[in-house]
């Protein structure tokens, strides 16, 4: 039988609340640092995508064994209009 709620009522001590606040703050700082590093990689990442697409157009990819299929320009994915997301 499924639970109607996924929360279990419990009391947190002041010590635990303080530890949680510190831990959340540290994780938010780490996340902000990771997001900044990922954003700094955007120009390099765009170059990686272009190089990968050039290889697909020029050499193709393995379909079966040594059979290769070249991908035409109109079948390549287009870059989305949003930023890359950092998920943790």
Protein backbone atom coordinates (compact mmCIF):
# COMPACT_ATOMS: atom_id res chain seq x y z
CA UNK A 1 0.00 0.00 0.00
CA UNK A 2 1.59 3.31 -1.01
CA UNK A 3 2.18 6.08 1.45
CA UNK A 4 -0.05 9.11 1.17
CA UNK A 5 2.92 11.29 2.00
CA UNK A 6 6.65 10.72 1.79
CA UNK A 7 7.39 12.73 4.92
CA UNK A 8 7.93 11.18 8.30
CA UNK A 9 7.28 13.51 11.19
CA UNK A 10 10.29 13.90 13.44
CA UNK A 11 11.97 16.46 15.63
CA UNK A 12 15.40 17.87 14.83
CA UNK A 13 17.71 18.99 17.55
CA UNK A 14 19.29 22.43 17.36
CA UNK A 15 22.64 20.77 16.72
CA UNK A 16 21.25 18.85 13.74
CA UNK A 17 19.53 21.98 12.37
CA UNK A 18 22.80 23.90 12.59
CA UNK A 19 24.70 21.08 10.86
CA UNK A 20 22.08 20.94 8.09
CA UNK A 21 22.30 24.70 7.51
CA UNK A 22 26.10 24.53 7.26
CA UNK A 23 25.97 21.52 4.96
CA UNK A 24 23.41 23.12 2.65
CA UNK A 25 25.46 26.31 2.51
CA UNK A 26 28.63 24.36 1.61
CA UNK A 27 26.78 22.39 -1.09
CA UNK A 28 25.32 25.58 -2.58
CA UNK A 29 28.81 27.09 -2.73
CA UNK A 30 30.20 23.97 -4.43
CA UNK A 31 27.31 23.98 -6.89
CA UNK A 32 27.86 27.65 -7.75
CA UNK A 33 31.54 26.90 -8.37
CA UNK A 34 30.70 23.96 -10.64
CA UNK A 35 28.17 26.05 -12.59
CA UNK A 36 30.77 28.81 -13.08
CA UNK A 37 33.34 26.28 -14.33
CA UNK A 38 30.81 24.71 -16.71
CA UNK A 39 29.82 28.15 -18.04
CA UNK A 40 33.50 28.94 -18.64
CA UNK A 41 33.68 25.76 -20.77
CA UNK A 42 30.91 26.90 -23.13
CA UNK A 43 33.20 28.09 -25.97
CA UNK A 44 35.29 24.92 -25.75
CA UNK A 45 32.19 22.73 -25.58
CA UNK A 46 30.78 24.39 -28.69
CA UNK A 47 34.05 23.64 -30.48
CA UNK A 48 33.86 19.99 -29.35
CA UNK A 49 30.34 19.73 -30.78
CA UNK A 50 31.45 21.19 -34.11
CA UNK A 51 34.44 18.84 -34.32
CA UNK A 52 32.20 15.87 -33.50
CA UNK A 53 29.67 16.86 -36.16
CA UNK A 54 32.45 17.28 -38.72
CA UNK A 55 33.66 13.74 -37.97
CA UNK A 56 30.11 12.42 -38.35
CA UNK A 57 29.71 14.15 -41.71
CA UNK A 58 33.15 13.18 -43.00
CA UNK A 59 33.65 9.67 -41.61
CA UNK A 60 30.22 8.67 -40.32
CA UNK A 61 29.67 6.18 -37.51
CA UNK A 62 29.73 2.40 -37.28
CA UNK A 63 26.42 0.86 -38.22
CA UNK A 64 27.42 -2.78 -38.14
CA UNK A 65 30.94 -4.09 -37.87
CA UNK A 66 33.02 -2.06 -40.32
CA UNK A 67 30.03 -0.62 -42.19
CA UNK A 68 30.00 3.16 -41.72
CA UNK A 69 27.15 5.59 -42.33
CA UNK A 70 27.78 9.26 -43.05
CA UNK A 71 25.30 11.73 -41.55
CA UNK A 72 24.01 14.51 -43.85
CA UNK A 73 23.86 18.10 -42.58
CA UNK A 74 20.08 18.15 -42.35
CA UNK A 75 20.08 15.18 -39.94
CA UNK A 76 22.52 16.70 -37.47
CA UNK A 77 20.98 18.05 -34.26
CA UNK A 78 20.75 21.79 -33.80
CA UNK A 79 22.01 23.58 -30.72
CA UNK A 80 19.17 24.37 -28.28
CA UNK A 81 18.44 27.99 -27.39
CA UNK A 82 19.11 27.41 -23.71
CA UNK A 83 22.19 27.17 -21.53
CA UNK A 84 23.68 23.88 -20.39
CA UNK A 85 22.26 22.73 -17.09
CA UNK A 86 24.28 21.49 -14.15
CA UNK A 87 22.39 18.80 -12.26
CA UNK A 88 23.51 17.26 -9.01
